[in-house]
Amino acid sequence: MTLTLFFFYLFSAVLIPSAVMVVASRNPVHSVLFLILAFFNAAGLFLIAGAEFLAMVLVIVYVGAVAVLFLFVVMMLDIDFAKMRKGILQYMPIGAFIGIILFLELVLVAGSWIMLPEIASSSAMPIDNSISNTKALGQVLYTRYVFLFQGAGIILLIAMIGAIVLTLHHKPNVKRQDIADQVARDPKKAVEVVKVKSGEGLQ
């Protein structure tokens, strides 16, 4: 057994149980911790496959931002998960039906998957082995697919703004700024200039 094969089995042996525990854990904090562990092991598998860019994205973006942010949100918010689980059984038939369909699709894809040697040679863009994968992806994204890349960024920005608008709740009896009133105020009424003589102070 080579060293690469050993690490492949090691990362896979940790990744699969971690992914199962993400779904099976009752505590959402434990689920996020298992998710971070799964991301790290998936990044190791990507490094073995030669896709260092995807490995960096998993560690920097998903572990460093998404998973940790979600972990802090879950830990800081006082969420009654027992109350959230009430009525979940009524959605079980629909969830089971969708799960069966997804499982059948995965079985069909895995059963009909064939890797042809001529697929790599018939790619639209030639593969340049003299540069890294990250540089090759950057050249493709910012030249040929720059408009699609920017469009995807705009869609994600709109989705983020929509999520903030839908989840933002204003608390009553909270004094807030009114920019229009602040700009339209009369400086003579807002500020009172008092001339104080030296040594006398304010009365």
N, C-alpha and C. Protein backbone atom coordinates (compact mmCIF):
# COMPACT_ATOMS: atom_id res chain seq x y z
N MET A 1 0.85 -1.19 0.00
CA MET A 1 0.00 0.00 0.00
C MET A 1 0.89 1.25 0.00
N THR A 2 0.64 2.14 -0.95
CA THR A 2 1.41 3.37 -1.04
C THR A 2 0.93 4.38 0.01
N LEU A 3 1.73 5.43 0.20
CA LEU A 3 1.38 6.45 1.18
C LEU A 3 0.14 7.23 0.76
N THR A 4 -0.01 7.48 -0.54
CA THR A 4 -1.20 8.20 -1.03
C THR A 4 -2.46 7.39 -0.78
N LEU A 5 -2.40 6.09 -1.04
CA LEU A 5 -3.57 5.24 -0.80
C LEU A 5 -3.90 5.14 0.68
N PHE A 6 -2.87 5.14 1.51
CA PHE A 6 -3.10 5.10 2.96
C PHE A 6 -3.85 6.34 3.43
N PHE A 7 -3.42 7.52 2.98
CA PHE A 7 -4.10 8.76 3.38
C PHE A 7 -5.50 8.85 2.79
N PHE A 8 -5.69 8.28 1.59
CA PHE A 8 -7.02 8.26 1.01
C PHE A 8 -8.00 7.48 1.88
N TYR A 9 -7.59 6.29 2.30
CA TYR A 9 -8.45 5.50 3.16
C TYR A 9 -8.61 6.15 4.55
N LEU A 10 -7.56 6.82 5.03
CA LEU A 10 -7.65 7.47 6.33
C LEU A 10 -8.66 8.63 6.29
N PHE A 11 -8.53 9.50 5.28
CA PHE A 11 -9.46 10.62 5.17
C PHE A 11 -10.89 10.13 4.91
N SER A 12 -11.03 9.09 4.10
CA SER A 12 -12.36 8.57 3.81
C SER A 12 -13.00 7.93 5.04
N ALA A 13 -12.19 7.23 5.83
CA ALA A 13 -12.72 6.57 7.02
C ALA A 13 -13.20 7.58 8.06
N VAL A 14 -12.62 8.77 8.07
CA VAL A 14 -13.08 9.81 9.01
C VAL A 14 -14.21 10.63 8.39
N LEU A 15 -14.16 10.85 7.08
CA LEU A 15 -15.14 11.70 6.42
C LEU A 15 -16.54 11.09 6.44
N ILE A 16 -16.66 9.82 6.13
CA ILE A 16 -17.99 9.21 6.03
C ILE A 16 -18.71 9.19 7.38
N PRO A 17 -18.08 8.73 8.48
CA PRO A 17 -18.80 8.83 9.77
C PRO A 17 -19.10 10.26 10.19
N SER A 18 -18.22 11.21 9.86
CA SER A 18 -18.49 12.61 10.20
C SER A 18 -19.70 13.13 9.46
N ALA A 19 -19.82 12.79 8.18
CA ALA A 19 -20.98 13.22 7.41
C ALA A 19 -22.27 12.60 7.95
N VAL A 20 -22.20 11.36 8.39
CA VAL A 20 -23.38 10.72 8.98
C VAL A 20 -23.77 11.39 10.29
N MET A 21 -22.77 11.74 11.10
CA MET A 21 -23.06 12.37 12.39
C MET A 21 -23.58 13.80 12.24
N VAL A 22 -23.27 14.46 11.13
CA VAL A 22 -23.84 15.79 10.89
C VAL A 22 -25.36 15.72 10.85
N VAL A 23 -25.88 14.66 10.25
CA VAL A 23 -27.33 14.50 10.14
C VAL A 23 -27.91 13.83 11.38
N ALA A 24 -27.16 12.90 11.97
CA ALA A 24 -27.71 12.10 13.07
C ALA A 24 -27.60 12.77 14.43
N SER A 25 -26.74 13.76 14.60
CA SER A 25 -26.57 14.39 15.91
C SER A 25 -27.83 15.17 16.29
N ARG A 26 -28.23 15.03 17.55
CA ARG A 26 -29.39 15.77 18.04
C ARG A 26 -29.02 17.21 18.42
N ASN A 27 -27.80 17.39 18.86
CA ASN A 27 -27.34 18.73 19.23
C ASN A 27 -26.79 19.43 17.99
N PRO A 28 -27.33 20.61 17.62
CA PRO A 28 -26.83 21.28 16.41
C PRO A 28 -25.38 21.74 16.53
N VAL A 29 -24.93 22.03 17.75
CA VAL A 29 -23.52 22.40 17.92
C VAL A 29 -22.61 21.24 17.55
N HIS A 30 -22.98 20.03 17.99
CA HIS A 30 -22.20 18.84 17.61
C HIS A 30 -22.25 18.62 16.11
N SER A 31 -23.39 18.90 15.49
CA SER A 31 -23.51 18.75 14.03
C SER A 31 -22.53 19.66 13.31
N VAL A 32 -22.41 20.90 13.77
CA VAL A 32 -21.48 21.84 13.13
C VAL A 32 -20.04 21.40 13.33
N LEU A 33 -19.72 20.89 14.52
CA LEU A 33 -18.35 20.41 14.76
C LEU A 33 -18.02 19.22 13.87
N PHE A 34 -18.97 18.30 13.71
CA PHE A 34 -18.74 17.18 12.78
C PHE A 34 -18.65 17.67 11.34
N LEU A 35 -19.40 18.73 11.01
CA LEU A 35 -19.31 19.30 9.67
C LEU A 35 -17.94 19.88 9.40
N ILE A 36 -17.36 20.56 10.38
CA ILE A 36 -16.01 21.10 10.23
C ILE A 36 -15.00 19.96 10.04
N LEU A 37 -15.16 18.90 10.82
CA LEU A 37 -14.28 17.74 10.66
C LEU A 37 -14.41 17.12 9.28
N ALA A 38 -15.65 17.04 8.77
CA ALA A 38 -15.87 16.49 7.43
C ALA A 38 -15.24 17.38 6.37
N PHE A 39 -15.30 18.70 6.54
CA PHE A 39 -14.69 19.61 5.58
C PHE A 39 -13.17 19.44 5.54
N PHE A 40 -12.56 19.29 6.69
CA PHE A 40 -11.10 19.12 6.72
C PHE A 40 -10.67 17.84 6.01
N ASN A 41 -11.41 16.76 6.24
CA ASN A 41 -11.05 15.50 5.59
C ASN A 41 -11.35 15.54 4.10
N ALA A 42 -12.42 16.21 3.71
CA ALA A 42 -12.69 16.38 2.28
C ALA A 42 -11.60 17.21 1.61
N ALA A 43 -11.09 18.22 2.33
CA ALA A 43 -9.99 19.00 1.79
C ALA A 43 -8.74 18.13 1.59
N GLY A 44 -8.51 17.20 2.52
CA GLY A 44 -7.39 16.27 2.33
C GLY A 44 -7.57 15.39 1.10
N LEU A 45 -8.79 14.93 0.86
CA LEU A 45 -9.05 14.13 -0.35
C LEU A 45 -8.84 14.95 -1.62
N PHE A 46 -9.23 16.24 -1.58
CA PHE A 46 -9.01 17.09 -2.75
C PHE A 46 -7.51 17.31 -3.00
N LEU A 47 -6.74 17.42 -1.93
CA LEU A 47 -5.30 17.56 -2.11
C LEU A 47 -4.69 16.31 -2.73
N ILE A 48 -5.17 15.15 -2.32
CA ILE A 48 -4.67 13.90 -2.92
C ILE A 48 -5.03 13.84 -4.41
N ALA A 49 -6.22 14.34 -4.75
CA ALA A 49 -6.65 14.32 -6.16
C ALA A 49 -5.99 15.40 -7.00
N GLY A 50 -5.21 16.29 -6.37
CA GLY A 50 -4.55 17.35 -7.13
C GLY A 50 -5.37 18.60 -7.31
N ALA A 51 -6.49 18.71 -6.60
CA ALA A 51 -7.34 19.90 -6.70
C ALA A 51 -7.10 20.77 -5.47
N GLU A 52 -5.97 21.45 -5.46
CA GLU A 52 -5.62 22.24 -4.27
C GLU A 52 -6.51 23.45 -4.09
N PHE A 53 -7.07 23.96 -5.21
CA PHE A 53 -7.96 25.13 -5.09
C PHE A 53 -9.22 24.77 -4.31
N LEU A 54 -9.82 23.63 -4.62
CA LEU A 54 -11.01 23.21 -3.89
C LEU A 54 -10.70 22.93 -2.43
N ALA A 55 -9.52 22.40 -2.16
CA ALA A 55 -9.11 22.17 -0.77
C ALA A 55 -9.01 23.49 -0.02
N MET A 56 -8.42 24.51 -0.65
CA MET A 56 -8.32 25.81 0.00
C MET A 56 -9.68 26.44 0.22
N VAL A 57 -10.58 26.28 -0.75
CA VAL A 57 -11.93 26.83 -0.61
C VAL A 57 -12.65 26.18 0.55
N LEU A 58 -12.53 24.87 0.69
CA LEU A 58 -13.18 24.17 1.80
C LEU A 58 -12.67 24.66 3.14
N VAL A 59 -11.36 24.82 3.27
CA VAL A 59 -10.79 25.20 4.56
C VAL A 59 -11.01 26.68 4.86
N ILE A 60 -10.74 27.54 3.88
CA ILE A 60 -10.79 28.98 4.13
C ILE A 60 -12.22 29.49 4.17
N VAL A 61 -13.03 29.11 3.17
CA VAL A 61 -14.38 29.67 3.06
C VAL A 61 -15.35 28.93 3.96
N TYR A 62 -15.44 27.61 3.81
CA TYR A 62 -16.48 26.88 4.52
C TYR A 62 -16.14 26.69 6.00
N VAL A 63 -14.91 26.27 6.28
CA VAL A 63 -14.55 26.08 7.69
C VAL A 63 -14.31 27.42 8.37
N GLY A 64 -13.56 28.29 7.72
CA GLY A 64 -13.20 29.55 8.34
C GLY A 64 -14.31 30.56 8.44
N ALA A 65 -15.34 30.45 7.62
CA ALA A 65 -16.40 31.46 7.63
C ALA A 65 -17.76 30.84 7.90
N VAL A 66 -18.20 29.96 7.01
CA VAL A 66 -19.58 29.49 7.08
C VAL A 66 -19.82 28.63 8.30
N ALA A 67 -19.01 27.60 8.49
CA ALA A 67 -19.25 26.67 9.59
C ALA A 67 -19.03 27.34 10.95
N VAL A 68 -17.95 28.12 11.08
CA VAL A 68 -17.69 28.79 12.35
C VAL A 68 -18.75 29.83 12.65
N LEU A 69 -19.18 30.57 11.63
CA LEU A 69 -20.24 31.56 11.83
C LEU A 69 -21.53 30.88 12.27
N PHE A 70 -21.87 29.79 11.62
CA PHE A 70 -23.07 29.06 12.00
C PHE A 70 -22.95 28.51 13.42
N LEU A 71 -21.76 28.07 13.79
CA LEU A 71 -21.55 27.56 15.14
C LEU A 71 -21.78 28.65 16.17
N PHE A 72 -21.24 29.84 15.93
CA PHE A 72 -21.44 30.94 16.88
C PHE A 72 -22.90 31.38 16.92
N VAL A 73 -23.57 31.37 15.78
CA VAL A 73 -25.00 31.74 15.77
C VAL A 73 -25.81 30.75 16.59
N VAL A 74 -25.54 29.46 16.41
CA VAL A 74 -26.28 28.44 17.16
C VAL A 74 -26.00 28.56 18.65
N MET A 75 -24.73 28.84 19.02
CA MET A 75 -24.38 28.90 20.43
C MET A 75 -24.88 30.18 21.09
N MET A 76 -24.96 31.28 20.35
CA MET A 76 -25.35 32.56 20.93
C MET A 76 -26.86 32.73 21.01
N LEU A 77 -27.59 32.18 20.05
CA LEU A 77 -29.04 32.33 20.05
C LEU A 77 -29.66 31.30 20.97
N ASP A 78 -30.63 31.73 21.73
CA ASP A 78 -31.33 30.83 22.64
C ASP A 78 -32.51 30.22 21.89
N ILE A 79 -32.26 29.13 21.18
CA ILE A 79 -33.28 28.50 20.33
C ILE A 79 -33.85 27.29 21.05
N ASP A 80 -35.17 27.21 21.08
CA ASP A 80 -35.84 26.07 21.69
C ASP A 80 -36.02 25.00 20.61
N PHE A 81 -35.05 24.08 20.55
CA PHE A 81 -35.08 23.07 19.49
C PHE A 81 -36.19 22.05 19.72
N ALA A 82 -36.60 21.85 20.98
CA ALA A 82 -37.72 20.94 21.24
C ALA A 82 -39.01 21.49 20.63
N LYS A 83 -39.16 22.81 20.69
CA LYS A 83 -40.34 23.43 20.10
C LYS A 83 -40.29 23.37 18.58
N MET A 84 -39.07 23.49 18.02
CA MET A 84 -38.93 23.44 16.56
C MET A 84 -39.22 22.06 16.01
N ARG A 85 -38.98 21.01 16.82
CA ARG A 85 -39.20 19.65 16.34
C ARG A 85 -40.67 19.24 16.39
N LYS A 86 -41.51 20.05 17.04
CA LYS A 86 -42.92 19.70 17.11
C LYS A 86 -43.56 19.79 15.73
N GLY A 87 -44.32 18.79 15.39
CA GLY A 87 -44.99 18.76 14.09
C GLY A 87 -44.12 18.30 12.95
N ILE A 88 -42.91 17.79 13.26
CA ILE A 88 -42.02 17.36 12.19
C ILE A 88 -42.48 16.04 11.56
N LEU A 89 -43.25 15.27 12.33
CA LEU A 89 -43.69 13.97 11.81
C LEU A 89 -44.65 14.12 10.64
N GLN A 90 -45.34 15.23 10.56
CA GLN A 90 -46.29 15.40 9.45
C GLN A 90 -45.58 15.59 8.11
N TYR A 91 -44.29 15.94 8.15
CA TYR A 91 -43.52 16.10 6.93
C TYR A 91 -42.70 14.86 6.59
N MET A 92 -42.78 13.84 7.43
CA MET A 92 -41.99 12.64 7.20
C MET A 92 -42.33 11.92 5.89
N PRO A 93 -43.61 11.77 5.51
CA PRO A 93 -43.89 11.09 4.23
C PRO A 93 -43.30 11.81 3.03
N ILE A 94 -43.39 13.14 3.02
CA ILE A 94 -42.82 13.89 1.89
C ILE A 94 -41.30 13.77 1.89
N GLY A 95 -40.69 13.89 3.08
CA GLY A 95 -39.24 13.76 3.17
C GLY A 95 -38.76 12.38 2.76
N ALA A 96 -39.48 11.34 3.18
CA ALA A 96 -39.10 9.98 2.79
C ALA A 96 -39.24 9.77 1.29
N PHE A 97 -40.29 10.34 0.70
CA PHE A 97 -40.50 10.22 -0.75
C PHE A 97 -39.36 10.90 -1.52
N ILE A 98 -38.99 12.11 -1.10
CA ILE A 98 -37.90 12.82 -1.77
C ILE A 98 -36.57 12.09 -1.55
N GLY A 99 -36.37 11.53 -0.35
CA GLY A 99 -35.14 10.79 -0.08
C GLY A 99 -35.01 9.54 -0.95
N ILE A 100 -36.13 8.84 -1.15
CA ILE A 100 -36.11 7.65 -2.01
C ILE A 100 -35.77 8.03 -3.45
N ILE A 101 -36.37 9.13 -3.92
CA ILE A 101 -36.08 9.59 -5.30
C ILE A 101 -34.60 9.93 -5.45
N LEU A 102 -34.04 10.66 -4.48
CA LEU A 102 -32.62 11.01 -4.55
C LEU A 102 -31.73 9.78 -4.49
N PHE A 103 -32.11 8.81 -3.68
CA PHE A 103 -31.32 7.58 -3.58
C PHE A 103 -31.35 6.81 -4.91
N LEU A 104 -32.53 6.72 -5.53
CA LEU A 104 -32.63 6.04 -6.83
C LEU A 104 -31.82 6.77 -7.90
N GLU A 105 -31.83 8.11 -7.87
CA GLU A 105 -31.03 8.86 -8.83
C GLU A 105 -29.54 8.59 -8.64
N LEU A 106 -29.08 8.56 -7.39
CA LEU A 106 -27.67 8.26 -7.13
C LEU A 106 -27.30 6.85 -7.60
N VAL A 107 -28.21 5.89 -7.38
CA VAL A 107 -27.95 4.52 -7.82
C VAL A 107 -27.86 4.46 -9.34
N LEU A 108 -28.76 5.16 -10.04
CA LEU A 108 -28.74 5.17 -11.50
C LEU A 108 -27.47 5.83 -12.03
N VAL A 109 -27.07 6.94 -11.40
CA VAL A 109 -25.86 7.63 -11.86
C VAL A 109 -24.63 6.75 -11.61
N ALA A 110 -24.54 6.14 -10.43
CA ALA A 110 -23.39 5.29 -10.12
C ALA A 110 -23.36 4.04 -11.00
N GLY A 111 -24.54 3.50 -11.33
CA GLY A 111 -24.58 2.30 -12.15
C GLY A 111 -24.27 2.53 -13.61
N SER A 112 -24.56 3.74 -14.11
CA SER A 112 -24.35 4.03 -15.53
C SER A 112 -23.11 4.86 -15.79
N TRP A 113 -22.28 5.10 -14.75
CA TRP A 113 -21.12 5.95 -14.92
C TRP A 113 -20.00 5.18 -15.63
N ILE A 114 -19.50 5.79 -16.70
CA ILE A 114 -18.40 5.20 -17.47
C ILE A 114 -17.40 6.30 -17.78
N MET A 115 -16.15 6.03 -17.49
CA MET A 115 -15.09 6.99 -17.77
C MET A 115 -14.39 6.59 -19.05
N LEU A 116 -14.53 7.43 -20.07
CA LEU A 116 -13.90 7.15 -21.36
C LEU A 116 -12.57 7.87 -21.46
N PRO A 117 -11.54 7.22 -21.95
CA PRO A 117 -10.22 7.88 -22.04
C PRO A 117 -10.21 9.09 -22.97
N GLU A 118 -11.08 9.09 -23.99
CA GLU A 118 -11.04 10.20 -24.94
C GLU A 118 -11.76 11.45 -24.45
N ILE A 119 -12.38 11.41 -23.25
CA ILE A 119 -13.09 12.59 -22.76
C ILE A 119 -12.10 13.71 -22.44
N ALA A 120 -10.99 13.36 -21.80
CA ALA A 120 -10.00 14.39 -21.44
C ALA A 120 -9.39 15.04 -22.68
N SER A 121 -9.18 14.28 -23.73
CA SER A 121 -8.57 14.83 -24.93
C SER A 121 -9.55 15.67 -25.74
N SER A 122 -10.86 15.47 -25.54
CA SER A 122 -11.86 16.21 -26.30
C SER A 122 -12.40 17.41 -25.54
N SER A 123 -11.71 17.89 -24.50
CA SER A 123 -12.18 19.03 -23.74
C SER A 123 -12.08 20.30 -24.57
N ALA A 124 -12.91 21.29 -24.22
CA ALA A 124 -12.97 22.52 -24.99
C ALA A 124 -11.67 23.32 -24.88
N MET A 125 -11.04 23.27 -23.71
CA MET A 125 -9.79 24.01 -23.52
C MET A 125 -8.67 23.03 -23.24
N PRO A 126 -7.52 23.21 -23.86
CA PRO A 126 -6.40 22.30 -23.59
C PRO A 126 -5.89 22.48 -22.16
N ILE A 127 -5.43 21.40 -21.57
CA ILE A 127 -4.92 21.42 -20.21
C ILE A 127 -3.44 21.75 -20.23
N ASP A 128 -3.09 22.83 -19.53
CA ASP A 128 -1.69 23.26 -19.45
C ASP A 128 -1.11 22.75 -18.13
N ASN A 129 -0.26 21.77 -18.21
CA ASN A 129 0.33 21.16 -17.02
C ASN A 129 1.46 21.99 -16.42
N SER A 130 1.84 23.09 -17.06
CA SER A 130 2.95 23.90 -16.55
C SER A 130 2.51 24.89 -15.47
N ILE A 131 1.20 25.08 -15.30
CA ILE A 131 0.70 26.02 -14.29
C ILE A 131 -0.17 25.26 -13.30
N SER A 132 -0.42 25.86 -12.16
CA SER A 132 -1.22 25.21 -11.12
C SER A 132 -2.71 25.28 -11.46
N ASN A 133 -3.49 24.48 -10.75
CA ASN A 133 -4.93 24.48 -10.98
C ASN A 133 -5.56 25.83 -10.62
N THR A 134 -5.07 26.46 -9.57
CA THR A 134 -5.63 27.74 -9.15
C THR A 134 -5.42 28.80 -10.22
N LYS A 135 -4.23 28.86 -10.79
CA LYS A 135 -3.95 29.84 -11.85
C LYS A 135 -4.76 29.53 -13.10
N ALA A 136 -4.92 28.25 -13.43
CA ALA A 136 -5.71 27.89 -14.61
C ALA A 136 -7.18 28.26 -14.41
N LEU A 137 -7.73 28.02 -13.22
CA LEU A 137 -9.11 28.42 -12.95
C LEU A 137 -9.29 29.92 -13.01
N GLY A 138 -8.32 30.67 -12.48
CA GLY A 138 -8.40 32.13 -12.54
C GLY A 138 -8.36 32.65 -13.97
N GLN A 139 -7.53 32.05 -14.81
CA GLN A 139 -7.47 32.47 -16.21
C GLN A 139 -8.78 32.20 -16.93
N VAL A 140 -9.42 31.07 -16.61
CA VAL A 140 -10.69 30.75 -17.27
C VAL A 140 -11.82 31.63 -16.74
N LEU A 141 -11.88 31.80 -15.41
CA LEU A 141 -12.99 32.55 -14.81
C LEU A 141 -12.96 34.02 -15.22
N TYR A 142 -11.78 34.63 -15.24
CA TYR A 142 -11.69 36.07 -15.47
C TYR A 142 -11.45 36.43 -16.94
N THR A 143 -11.56 35.46 -17.82
CA THR A 143 -11.46 35.76 -19.26
C THR A 143 -12.71 35.28 -19.99
N ARG A 144 -12.86 33.99 -20.09
CA ARG A 144 -13.97 33.44 -20.87
C ARG A 144 -15.31 33.54 -20.14
N TYR A 145 -15.30 33.30 -18.84
CA TYR A 145 -16.55 33.26 -18.08
C TYR A 145 -16.66 34.41 -17.09
N VAL A 146 -16.09 35.57 -17.42
CA VAL A 146 -16.08 36.67 -16.47
C VAL A 146 -17.49 37.21 -16.22
N PHE A 147 -18.32 37.29 -17.26
CA PHE A 147 -19.68 37.82 -17.07
C PHE A 147 -20.55 36.84 -16.28
N LEU A 148 -20.39 35.55 -16.55
CA LEU A 148 -21.13 34.57 -15.77
C LEU A 148 -20.67 34.56 -14.32
N PHE A 149 -19.37 34.74 -14.12
CA PHE A 149 -18.83 34.79 -12.76
C PHE A 149 -19.37 36.00 -12.00
N GLN A 150 -19.39 37.16 -12.64
CA GLN A 150 -19.94 38.35 -12.00
C GLN A 150 -21.44 38.22 -11.78
N GLY A 151 -22.14 37.58 -12.73
CA GLY A 151 -23.58 37.36 -12.55
C GLY A 151 -23.88 36.46 -11.37
N ALA A 152 -23.06 35.43 -11.18
CA ALA A 152 -23.25 34.56 -10.02
C ALA A 152 -23.01 35.33 -8.72
N GLY A 153 -22.03 36.23 -8.73
CA GLY A 153 -21.78 37.06 -7.54
C GLY A 153 -22.96 37.98 -7.24
N ILE A 154 -23.57 38.55 -8.27
CA ILE A 154 -24.74 39.43 -8.07
C ILE A 154 -25.91 38.63 -7.51
N ILE A 155 -26.11 37.42 -8.02
CA ILE A 155 -27.20 36.58 -7.52
C ILE A 155 -26.99 36.25 -6.05
N LEU A 156 -25.76 35.91 -5.67
CA LEU A 156 -25.47 35.61 -4.27
C LEU A 156 -25.66 36.85 -3.39
N LEU A 157 -25.30 38.02 -3.90
CA LEU A 157 -25.50 39.26 -3.14
C LEU A 157 -26.98 39.54 -2.92
N ILE A 158 -27.80 39.34 -3.97
CA ILE A 158 -29.24 39.54 -3.84
C ILE A 158 -29.83 38.55 -2.85
N ALA A 159 -29.36 37.30 -2.91
CA ALA A 159 -29.85 36.29 -1.97
C ALA A 159 -29.48 36.65 -0.54
N MET A 160 -28.27 37.18 -0.32
CA MET A 160 -27.86 37.57 1.02
C MET A 160 -28.71 38.73 1.53
N ILE A 161 -28.96 39.73 0.67
CA ILE A 161 -29.79 40.86 1.09
C ILE A 161 -31.22 40.40 1.38
N GLY A 162 -31.74 39.49 0.55
CA GLY A 162 -33.08 38.96 0.79
C GLY A 162 -33.18 38.20 2.10
N ALA A 163 -32.16 37.41 2.42
CA ALA A 163 -32.17 36.68 3.68
C ALA A 163 -32.12 37.63 4.87
N ILE A 164 -31.35 38.72 4.75
CA ILE A 164 -31.30 39.70 5.84
C ILE A 164 -32.63 40.40 6.00
N VAL A 165 -33.26 40.77 4.89
CA VAL A 165 -34.54 41.47 4.97
C VAL A 165 -35.62 40.57 5.56
N LEU A 166 -35.63 39.29 5.19
CA LEU A 166 -36.66 38.38 5.68
C LEU A 166 -36.49 38.05 7.16
N THR A 167 -35.26 38.02 7.64
CA THR A 167 -35.02 37.60 9.02
C THR A 167 -34.83 38.76 9.98
N LEU A 168 -34.76 40.00 9.47
CA LEU A 168 -34.54 41.15 10.34
C LEU A 168 -35.86 41.57 10.99
N HIS A 169 -35.88 41.60 12.30
CA HIS A 169 -37.07 41.99 13.05
C HIS A 169 -36.72 43.23 13.89
N HIS A 170 -37.50 44.29 13.70
CA HIS A 170 -37.28 45.52 14.46
C HIS A 170 -37.98 45.41 15.81
N LYS A 171 -37.25 45.74 16.86
CA LYS A 171 -37.83 45.70 18.19
C LYS A 171 -38.60 46.99 18.46
N PRO A 172 -39.74 46.89 19.11
CA PRO A 172 -40.50 48.12 19.42
C PRO A 172 -39.83 48.91 20.53
N ASN A 173 -40.22 50.20 20.60
CA ASN A 173 -39.73 51.11 21.65
C ASN A 173 -38.21 51.26 21.62
N VAL A 174 -37.66 51.25 20.42
CA VAL A 174 -36.22 51.47 20.25
C VAL A 174 -36.02 52.75 19.46
N LYS A 175 -35.27 53.68 20.02
CA LYS A 175 -35.01 54.95 19.36
C LYS A 175 -34.02 54.75 18.22
N ARG A 176 -34.42 55.16 17.02
CA ARG A 176 -33.59 54.95 15.84
C ARG A 176 -33.29 56.28 15.16
N GLN A 177 -32.28 56.26 14.35
CA GLN A 177 -31.90 57.45 13.61
C GLN A 177 -32.87 57.70 12.46
N ASP A 178 -33.14 58.97 12.21
CA ASP A 178 -33.90 59.39 11.04
C ASP A 178 -33.01 60.35 10.26
N ILE A 179 -32.40 59.83 9.21
CA ILE A 179 -31.40 60.60 8.46
C ILE A 179 -32.01 61.85 7.87
N ALA A 180 -33.25 61.76 7.37
CA ALA A 180 -33.89 62.93 6.75
C ALA A 180 -34.10 64.04 7.76
N ASP A 181 -34.53 63.70 8.98
CA ASP A 181 -34.71 64.73 10.01
C ASP A 181 -33.38 65.33 10.43
N GLN A 182 -32.35 64.51 10.48
CA GLN A 182 -31.04 65.03 10.87
C GLN A 182 -30.48 66.00 9.84
N VAL A 183 -30.68 65.67 8.57
CA VAL A 183 -30.15 66.54 7.52
C VAL A 183 -30.96 67.83 7.42
N ALA A 184 -32.29 67.74 7.65
CA ALA A 184 -33.17 68.91 7.48
C ALA A 184 -33.27 69.77 8.73
N ARG A 185 -32.57 69.46 9.79
CA ARG A 185 -32.70 70.23 11.02
C ARG A 185 -32.07 71.61 10.86
N ASP A 186 -32.54 72.54 11.67
CA ASP A 186 -32.03 73.90 11.67
C ASP A 186 -30.84 73.98 12.64
N PRO A 187 -29.67 74.31 12.18
CA PRO A 187 -28.52 74.36 13.09
C PRO A 187 -28.71 75.35 14.23
N LYS A 188 -29.47 76.42 14.01
CA LYS A 188 -29.67 77.41 15.06
C LYS A 188 -30.48 76.83 16.22
N LYS A 189 -31.40 75.91 15.91
CA LYS A 189 -32.20 75.30 16.96
C LYS A 189 -31.51 74.07 17.57
N ALA A 190 -30.65 73.45 16.80
CA ALA A 190 -30.02 72.22 17.28
C ALA A 190 -28.83 72.49 18.20
N VAL A 191 -28.15 73.61 17.97
CA VAL A 191 -26.95 73.92 18.73
C VAL A 191 -27.11 75.31 19.37
N GLU A 192 -26.82 75.38 20.63
CA GLU A 192 -26.86 76.66 21.36
C GLU A 192 -25.44 77.04 21.75
N VAL A 193 -24.99 78.19 21.28
CA VAL A 193 -23.65 78.67 21.56
C VAL A 193 -23.70 79.54 22.81
N VAL A 194 -22.95 79.18 23.81
CA VAL A 194 -22.90 79.90 25.07
C VAL A 194 -21.49 80.44 25.26
N LYS A 195 -21.39 81.75 25.47
CA LYS A 195 -20.09 82.37 25.71
C LYS A 195 -19.86 82.43 27.21
N VAL A 196 -18.85 81.78 27.65
CA VAL A 196 -18.54 81.71 29.09
C VAL A 196 -17.31 82.57 29.35
N LYS A 197 -17.46 83.45 30.33
CA LYS A 197 -16.33 84.28 30.72
C LYS A 197 -15.30 83.46 31.47
N SER A 198 -14.08 83.83 31.30
CA SER A 198 -12.98 83.09 31.92
C SER A 198 -13.08 83.16 33.44
N GLY A 199 -13.04 82.02 34.09
CA GLY A 199 -13.02 81.93 35.53
C GLY A 199 -14.40 81.91 36.18
N GLU A 200 -15.49 82.08 35.41
CA GLU A 200 -16.81 82.10 36.00
C GLU A 200 -17.53 80.75 35.90
N GLY A 201 -17.31 80.05 34.80
CA GLY A 201 -17.98 78.76 34.60
C GLY A 201 -19.45 78.92 34.25
N LEU A 202 -20.16 77.81 34.15
CA LEU A 202 -21.58 77.81 33.82
C LEU A 202 -22.42 77.84 35.09
N GLN A 203 -23.50 78.60 35.08
CA GLN A 203 -24.42 78.68 36.21
C GLN A 203 -25.54 77.64 36.04
